[in-house]
Amino acid sequence: MKITDVKAVYPKYRHLAPSWRTHFWQIVVRVDTDAGVTGYGYGGGGVAGVAVVNGHLRDLIIGREIESVADIQATYDALYMESLPYGRKGLGIMALSGIDLALYDLLGKARDVPVCALLTDTPKRSIRAYATGEDAELYRELGYTANKFGHRWTGVDADYDTAARSAEHAREALGGDALVMVDVYMSWDGEVTLEMAKRLADYNLYWFEDVLTPDDLDGQAALIDAVKPTLIAGGEHEFTHHGFEQIARAGALDLWQPDITWCGGITEGLRIVEIANRVGAPVAPHRGGEVWGLHLIAGSDCADLAEYHADHIRDERDVLWLDEPAPVGGYISPSDAPGFGVTLNEAML
């Protein structure tokens, strides 16, 4: 198949909270071919990501042949090199992720197989899901055995108490055998993390997520032994296997969480998993219950754990992709449909 056109679009979102996401949330990338097969990808970077794809990367790949996973990886590498002056991390790689995922969708459709079957002959069929949100009783009723709640440090001692109440609530609702985690979105520091480890010890949390900024690798590494058995997790704000190689060298994270729509797509996701295997770090992709991460989990050595957000559970979101799989009884399975198995909701464009 020869690529004949590439186009990125920023959807008409209506349910985004005012934040960086307002103008820089997810983009849709469409890739057309002379074989009549079209692939769709989900990238990041918002309006800037659209400009990167349509204003630069598009012209570099029209005419390229895509017949194998190796062709996709070679295309990614070529685009990565050409975008180095402004890429490497952040919006440039987020945009490139959308192209990479569209090419995997394209190849899966051309071969009439799901993306995970492009990655392995024995994809995982049922993957444990964890609910991200605050309604632990609902998650228990739906069959979840894992829950991640959020916590933000505002600078007052009362924040220790709110974290403890949230941990107690999740543990009591889900039981002693459930996985309970906390995401603090880079709001703790080293001192707070150490104190939290003491105060939350009775709740047996599986991981603390994003306790420091992604630039502070040494700071994160220094916390690992001090908070055991709780893991230090993160990586959603890191990019490409180059970034995760630095995490590996620093010993900065116990558990890695690349976002497949941001870090470089499936191509970089596979490379990140390879590095993680080398150092013995489990990989649980950020938003892994969405099809882009789900197919990587199903087709690789990722941990058997897929994140599913509360806005999906309560359907309080913009439905951009139709036919997405959802957890049943706390487990989620990728579709057998070709490619990523989803259809774009054209009404949002």
Protein backbone atom coordinates (compact mmCIF):
# COMPACT_ATOMS: atom_id res chain seq x y z
CA MET A 1 0.00 0.00 0.00
CA LYS A 2 1.24 3.47 -0.84
CA ILE A 3 0.26 6.44 1.34
CA THR A 4 -1.68 8.97 -0.71
CA ASP A 5 -2.83 11.46 1.92
CA VAL A 6 -2.48 12.34 5.61
CA LYS A 7 -4.66 14.74 7.54
CA ALA A 8 -4.94 15.73 11.21
CA VAL A 9 -8.04 17.31 12.76
CA TYR A 10 -8.75 18.76 16.19
CA PRO A 11 -12.23 17.51 17.20
CA LYS A 12 -15.01 19.74 18.48
CA TYR A 13 -14.76 18.78 22.16
CA ARG A 14 -17.53 19.88 24.52
CA HIS A 15 -16.57 18.15 27.76
CA LEU A 16 -13.04 19.37 28.44
CA ALA A 17 -12.33 21.04 31.76
CA PRO A 18 -10.56 24.42 31.38
CA SER A 19 -6.84 23.58 31.42
CA TRP A 20 -4.00 22.91 29.01
CA ARG A 21 -6.37 20.35 27.44
CA THR A 22 -8.67 23.08 26.11
CA HIS A 23 -6.49 23.71 23.06
CA PHE A 24 -3.92 20.92 23.30
CA TRP A 25 -5.95 17.75 23.81
CA GLN A 26 -6.15 14.75 21.48
CA ILE A 27 -6.07 14.93 17.69
CA VAL A 28 -7.38 12.56 15.02
CA VAL A 29 -5.00 11.53 12.24
CA ARG A 30 -6.28 9.94 9.03
CA VAL A 31 -4.01 8.16 6.56
CA ASP A 32 -5.31 7.15 3.11
CA THR A 33 -3.71 4.71 0.67
CA ASP A 34 -3.92 3.74 -2.99
CA ALA A 35 -5.36 0.39 -1.88
CA GLY A 36 -8.48 2.09 -0.60
CA VAL A 37 -7.63 1.28 3.02
CA THR A 38 -7.79 4.12 5.56
CA GLY A 39 -6.17 4.14 8.99
CA TYR A 40 -7.09 6.33 11.95
CA GLY A 41 -4.84 7.31 14.83
CA TYR A 42 -5.22 9.24 18.07
CA GLY A 43 -2.41 11.62 18.92
CA GLY A 44 -1.82 14.58 21.19
CA GLY A 45 -0.76 18.19 20.86
CA GLY A 46 -4.11 19.75 20.01
CA VAL A 47 -4.04 22.64 17.55
CA ALA A 48 -0.24 22.60 17.61
CA GLY A 49 -0.21 18.86 16.86
CA VAL A 50 -2.50 19.44 13.89
CA ALA A 51 -0.06 22.04 12.54
CA VAL A 52 2.88 19.64 12.97
CA VAL A 53 1.13 16.88 11.03
CA ASN A 54 -0.48 18.95 8.30
CA GLY A 55 2.29 21.50 7.95
CA HIS A 56 5.33 19.23 7.98
CA LEU A 57 5.08 15.48 8.60
CA ARG A 58 2.34 14.89 6.02
CA ASP A 59 4.53 15.85 3.09
CA LEU A 60 7.34 13.57 4.27
CA ILE A 61 5.36 10.33 4.14
CA ILE A 62 3.06 10.65 1.15
CA GLY A 63 4.26 8.02 -1.30
CA ARG A 64 5.76 5.70 1.32
CA GLU A 65 4.92 2.00 1.14
CA ILE A 66 3.41 0.32 4.21
CA GLU A 67 3.40 -3.47 4.04
CA SER A 68 4.77 -4.52 7.44
CA VAL A 69 5.40 -3.49 11.03
CA ALA A 70 9.01 -2.87 9.97
CA ASP A 71 7.76 -0.34 7.40
CA ILE A 72 5.80 1.48 10.10
CA GLN A 73 8.81 1.59 12.40
CA ALA A 74 11.04 2.86 9.58
CA THR A 75 8.47 5.58 8.83
CA TYR A 76 8.35 6.60 12.48
CA ASP A 77 12.15 6.80 12.65
CA ALA A 78 12.29 8.94 9.50
CA LEU A 79 9.72 11.37 10.86
CA TYR A 80 11.43 11.48 14.25
CA MET A 81 14.73 12.47 12.60
CA GLU A 82 13.10 15.14 10.44
CA SER A 83 11.29 16.67 13.43
CA LEU A 84 14.33 16.73 15.76
CA PRO A 85 14.77 20.54 15.68
CA TYR A 86 11.37 21.03 17.35
CA GLY A 87 10.46 17.50 18.45
CA ARG A 88 12.10 14.86 20.68
CA LYS A 89 9.58 15.49 23.48
CA GLY A 90 6.26 17.18 24.01
CA LEU A 91 3.89 18.32 21.30
CA GLY A 92 5.99 17.13 18.37
CA ILE A 93 6.08 13.52 19.58
CA MET A 94 2.43 13.68 20.60
CA ALA A 95 1.55 14.56 17.01
CA LEU A 96 3.85 11.88 15.59
CA SER A 97 2.14 9.33 17.85
CA GLY A 98 -1.11 9.90 15.97
CA ILE A 99 0.53 9.09 12.64
CA ASP A 100 2.17 5.96 14.04
CA LEU A 101 -1.11 4.66 15.42
CA ALA A 102 -2.93 5.40 12.16
CA LEU A 103 -0.34 3.27 10.33
CA TYR A 104 -0.88 0.32 12.68
CA ASP A 105 -4.65 0.69 12.21
CA LEU A 106 -4.06 0.76 8.46
CA LEU A 107 -1.93 -2.37 8.43
CA GLY A 108 -4.33 -4.27 10.67
CA LYS A 109 -7.23 -3.43 8.36
CA ALA A 110 -5.23 -4.41 5.28
CA ARG A 111 -4.45 -7.81 6.83
CA ASP A 112 -7.91 -8.15 8.39
CA VAL A 113 -6.50 -8.64 11.89
CA PRO A 114 -6.56 -6.58 15.12
CA VAL A 115 -3.45 -4.52 15.89
CA CYS A 116 -2.48 -6.77 18.79
CA ALA A 117 -2.22 -9.68 16.32
CA LEU A 118 0.36 -7.68 14.37
CA LEU A 119 2.52 -7.66 17.50
CA THR A 120 2.26 -11.29 18.64
CA ASP A 121 0.77 -14.61 17.60
CA THR A 122 -0.76 -15.02 21.06
CA PRO A 123 -2.50 -11.80 22.16
CA LYS A 124 -3.93 -11.57 25.67
CA ARG A 125 -7.69 -12.03 25.50
CA SER A 126 -8.78 -10.75 28.92
CA ILE A 127 -6.95 -7.98 30.79
CA ARG A 128 -7.60 -6.84 34.35
CA ALA A 129 -8.95 -3.29 34.38
CA TYR A 130 -8.60 -0.70 37.10
CA ALA A 131 -11.02 2.17 37.58
CA THR A 132 -9.59 5.65 37.96
CA GLY A 133 -11.94 7.78 40.03
CA GLU A 134 -13.46 8.33 43.44
CA ASP A 135 -16.60 6.14 43.41
CA ALA A 136 -15.18 2.93 44.87
CA GLU A 137 -18.59 1.47 45.74
CA LEU A 138 -19.72 1.75 42.13
CA TYR A 139 -16.53 0.15 40.88
CA ARG A 140 -17.01 -2.76 43.29
CA GLU A 141 -20.58 -3.25 42.05
CA LEU A 142 -19.28 -3.33 38.46
CA GLY A 143 -16.76 -6.04 39.32
CA TYR A 144 -13.54 -4.04 39.52
CA THR A 145 -10.86 -5.30 41.87
CA ALA A 146 -8.54 -2.33 41.41
CA ASN A 147 -9.03 1.41 41.87
CA LYS A 148 -6.85 4.50 41.57
CA PHE A 149 -8.02 7.65 43.32
CA GLY A 150 -6.65 11.15 42.90
CA HIS A 151 -5.03 13.45 45.46
CA ARG A 152 -3.56 16.94 45.18
CA TRP A 153 -1.25 18.51 47.71
CA THR A 154 -2.30 22.11 48.37
CA GLY A 155 0.29 22.90 51.00
CA VAL A 156 -1.66 22.35 54.21
CA ASP A 157 -1.36 19.54 56.75
CA ALA A 158 -5.03 18.69 56.26
CA ASP A 159 -4.04 17.21 52.89
CA TYR A 160 -2.58 14.23 54.74
CA ASP A 161 -6.00 13.57 56.24
CA THR A 162 -7.81 13.82 52.90
CA ALA A 163 -5.38 11.31 51.38
CA ALA A 164 -5.94 8.93 54.30
CA ARG A 165 -9.73 9.23 54.02
CA SER A 166 -9.62 8.50 50.30
CA ALA A 167 -7.35 5.49 50.81
CA GLU A 168 -9.55 4.18 53.63
CA HIS A 169 -12.68 4.65 51.52
CA ALA A 170 -11.25 2.70 48.57
CA ARG A 171 -9.82 -0.07 50.74
CA GLU A 172 -13.03 -0.56 52.71
CA ALA A 173 -15.18 -0.57 49.57
CA LEU A 174 -13.03 -2.96 47.56
CA GLY A 175 -11.57 -5.19 50.24
CA GLY A 176 -8.15 -6.24 51.38
CA ASP A 177 -7.18 -8.14 48.23
CA ALA A 178 -7.91 -5.29 45.80
CA LEU A 179 -5.26 -3.07 44.26
CA VAL A 180 -5.54 0.52 45.48
CA MET A 181 -3.35 3.27 44.01
CA VAL A 182 -3.10 7.06 44.21
CA ASP A 183 -2.31 9.59 41.46
CA VAL A 184 -1.00 12.91 42.77
CA TYR A 185 -0.18 14.56 39.42
CA MET A 186 3.24 15.93 40.41
CA SER A 187 1.87 17.77 43.45
CA TRP A 188 3.86 16.04 46.20
CA ASP A 189 7.54 16.56 46.91
CA GLY A 190 10.03 14.21 48.51
CA GLU A 191 9.19 15.20 52.08
CA VAL A 192 5.44 14.85 51.53
CA THR A 193 5.90 11.49 49.81
CA LEU A 194 7.85 10.10 52.76
CA GLU A 195 5.27 11.32 55.24
CA MET A 196 2.43 9.95 53.11
CA ALA A 197 4.13 6.56 53.02
CA LYS A 198 3.97 6.48 56.82
CA ARG A 199 0.40 7.72 57.14
CA LEU A 200 -0.99 5.52 54.38
CA ALA A 201 0.92 2.36 55.30
CA ASP A 202 -2.14 0.66 56.82
CA TYR A 203 -3.98 0.84 53.47
CA ASN A 204 -1.36 -1.09 51.53
CA LEU A 205 -1.30 1.12 48.42
CA TYR A 206 0.12 -0.54 45.31
CA TRP A 207 1.67 2.62 43.91
CA PHE A 208 2.16 6.38 44.29
CA GLU A 209 1.86 7.92 40.81
CA ASP A 210 3.67 11.02 39.53
CA VAL A 211 4.84 12.22 42.94
CA LEU A 212 7.51 14.54 41.46
CA THR A 213 8.00 16.19 38.10
CA PRO A 214 9.39 13.98 35.31
CA ASP A 215 12.61 16.03 35.30
CA ASP A 216 13.50 15.00 38.85
CA LEU A 217 14.75 11.47 38.17
CA ASP A 218 17.22 11.51 41.04
CA GLY A 219 14.52 12.66 43.45
CA GLN A 220 12.21 9.85 42.40
CA ALA A 221 15.00 7.28 42.61
CA ALA A 222 15.77 8.38 46.17
CA LEU A 223 12.20 7.61 47.25
CA ILE A 224 11.93 4.07 45.94
CA ASP A 225 13.46 2.15 48.85
CA ALA A 226 11.99 4.51 51.43
CA VAL A 227 8.34 3.91 50.48
CA LYS A 228 8.42 0.16 49.83
CA PRO A 229 6.36 -1.96 49.45
CA THR A 230 4.45 0.83 47.67
CA LEU A 231 5.82 1.40 44.18
CA ILE A 232 6.87 4.72 42.68
CA ALA A 233 5.04 4.89 39.33
CA GLY A 234 5.03 7.39 36.48
CA GLY A 235 5.97 8.08 32.91
CA GLU A 236 2.87 9.51 31.25
CA HIS A 237 4.78 12.77 30.72
CA GLU A 238 7.88 11.09 29.31
CA PHE A 239 8.52 10.60 25.60
CA THR A 240 10.12 7.94 23.40
CA HIS A 241 12.42 5.10 24.38
CA HIS A 242 15.21 7.66 24.77
CA GLY A 243 13.37 9.23 27.70
CA PHE A 244 12.64 5.88 29.28
CA GLU A 245 16.26 4.83 28.85
CA GLN A 246 17.12 7.75 31.13
CA ILE A 247 14.53 6.53 33.64
CA ALA A 248 16.12 3.08 33.50
CA ARG A 249 19.65 4.44 34.04
CA ALA A 250 18.53 6.53 36.99
CA GLY A 251 16.45 3.72 38.53
CA ALA A 252 13.79 6.40 38.92
CA LEU A 253 10.54 4.42 38.68
CA ASP A 254 9.36 1.02 39.87
CA LEU A 255 6.47 0.90 37.39
CA TRP A 256 6.33 2.65 34.01
CA GLN A 257 3.24 4.35 32.55
CA PRO A 258 3.85 5.64 29.03
CA ASP A 259 0.85 7.11 27.25
CA ILE A 260 0.77 5.42 23.85
CA THR A 261 -0.96 8.37 22.18
CA TRP A 262 1.81 10.71 23.41
CA CYS A 263 5.08 8.80 23.80
CA GLY A 264 5.52 7.80 20.14
CA GLY A 265 2.71 5.35 19.47
CA ILE A 266 2.96 1.58 19.30
CA THR A 267 6.43 1.81 17.76
CA GLU A 268 7.92 3.54 20.78
CA GLY A 269 5.66 1.61 23.15
CA LEU A 270 7.28 -1.64 22.03
CA ARG A 271 10.75 -0.19 22.49
CA ILE A 272 9.85 1.08 25.96
CA VAL A 273 8.56 -2.36 26.95
CA GLU A 274 11.82 -3.89 25.72
CA ILE A 275 13.86 -1.58 27.97
CA ALA A 276 11.51 -2.24 30.87
CA ASN A 277 11.97 -5.99 30.45
CA ARG A 278 15.71 -5.50 30.60
CA VAL A 279 15.55 -3.75 33.98
CA GLY A 280 12.60 -5.71 35.39
CA ALA A 281 10.09 -2.84 35.47
CA PRO A 282 6.40 -3.60 34.80
CA VAL A 283 4.68 -1.40 32.21
CA ALA A 284 1.04 -0.32 32.70
CA PRO A 285 0.25 2.32 30.04
CA HIS A 286 -1.51 5.52 31.02
CA ARG A 287 -5.13 5.26 29.77
CA GLY A 288 -4.39 1.66 28.86
CA GLY A 289 -8.07 0.75 28.72
CA GLU A 290 -8.46 2.87 25.59
CA VAL A 291 -7.83 0.87 22.42
CA TRP A 292 -4.45 2.47 21.63
CA GLY A 293 -2.85 1.25 24.85
CA LEU A 294 -5.06 -1.81 25.13
CA HIS A 295 -3.69 -3.39 21.96
CA LEU A 296 -0.13 -2.83 23.17
CA ILE A 297 -0.97 -4.51 26.48
CA ALA A 298 -2.61 -7.41 24.65
CA GLY A 299 0.25 -7.81 22.18
CA SER A 300 3.31 -7.35 24.38
CA ASP A 301 4.87 -8.05 27.78
CA CYS A 302 3.01 -5.17 29.46
CA ALA A 303 1.54 -5.86 32.88
CA ASP A 304 -1.95 -7.32 32.89
CA LEU A 305 -3.50 -4.03 34.01
CA ALA A 306 -5.50 -1.50 31.97
CA GLU A 307 -6.61 1.92 33.23
CA TYR A 308 -10.26 2.83 32.67
CA HIS A 309 -11.32 6.37 33.61
CA ALA A 310 -14.44 7.34 35.51
CA ASP A 311 -15.70 9.56 32.67
CA HIS A 312 -15.94 6.42 30.53
CA ILE A 313 -17.70 4.51 33.30
CA ARG A 314 -20.31 7.23 33.81
CA ASP A 315 -20.26 8.21 30.11
CA GLU A 316 -19.55 11.84 30.96
CA ARG A 317 -17.38 12.51 27.93
CA ASP A 318 -17.20 13.30 24.25
CA VAL A 319 -17.69 10.02 22.39
CA LEU A 320 -15.12 10.39 19.62
CA TRP A 321 -14.58 6.69 18.94
CA LEU A 322 -17.49 4.31 18.48
CA ASP A 323 -17.38 0.58 19.30
CA GLU A 324 -14.73 0.94 22.02
CA PRO A 325 -14.58 -2.14 24.27
CA ALA A 326 -15.53 -1.65 27.91
CA PRO A 327 -14.69 -3.73 30.99
CA VAL A 328 -17.10 -6.48 32.01
CA GLY A 329 -16.74 -7.83 35.52
CA GLY A 330 -13.51 -5.89 35.97
CA TYR A 331 -11.81 -7.26 32.83
CA ILE A 332 -11.47 -5.79 29.35
CA SER A 333 -10.76 -7.49 26.02
CA PRO A 334 -9.59 -5.98 22.74
CA SER A 335 -11.95 -6.41 19.83
CA ASP A 336 -11.28 -8.99 17.11
CA ALA A 337 -12.19 -6.35 14.51
CA PRO A 338 -9.42 -5.28 12.10
CA GLY A 339 -7.07 -2.52 13.17
CA PHE A 340 -7.97 -0.90 16.47
CA GLY A 341 -11.60 -1.92 15.96
CA VAL A 342 -13.13 1.53 16.42
CA THR A 343 -15.01 3.90 14.13
CA LEU A 344 -14.57 7.66 14.15
CA ASN A 345 -17.62 9.68 15.21
CA GLU A 346 -17.68 12.08 12.27
CA ALA A 347 -20.18 14.34 14.04
CA MET A 348 -17.37 15.58 16.30
CA LEU A 349 -15.22 16.88 13.44
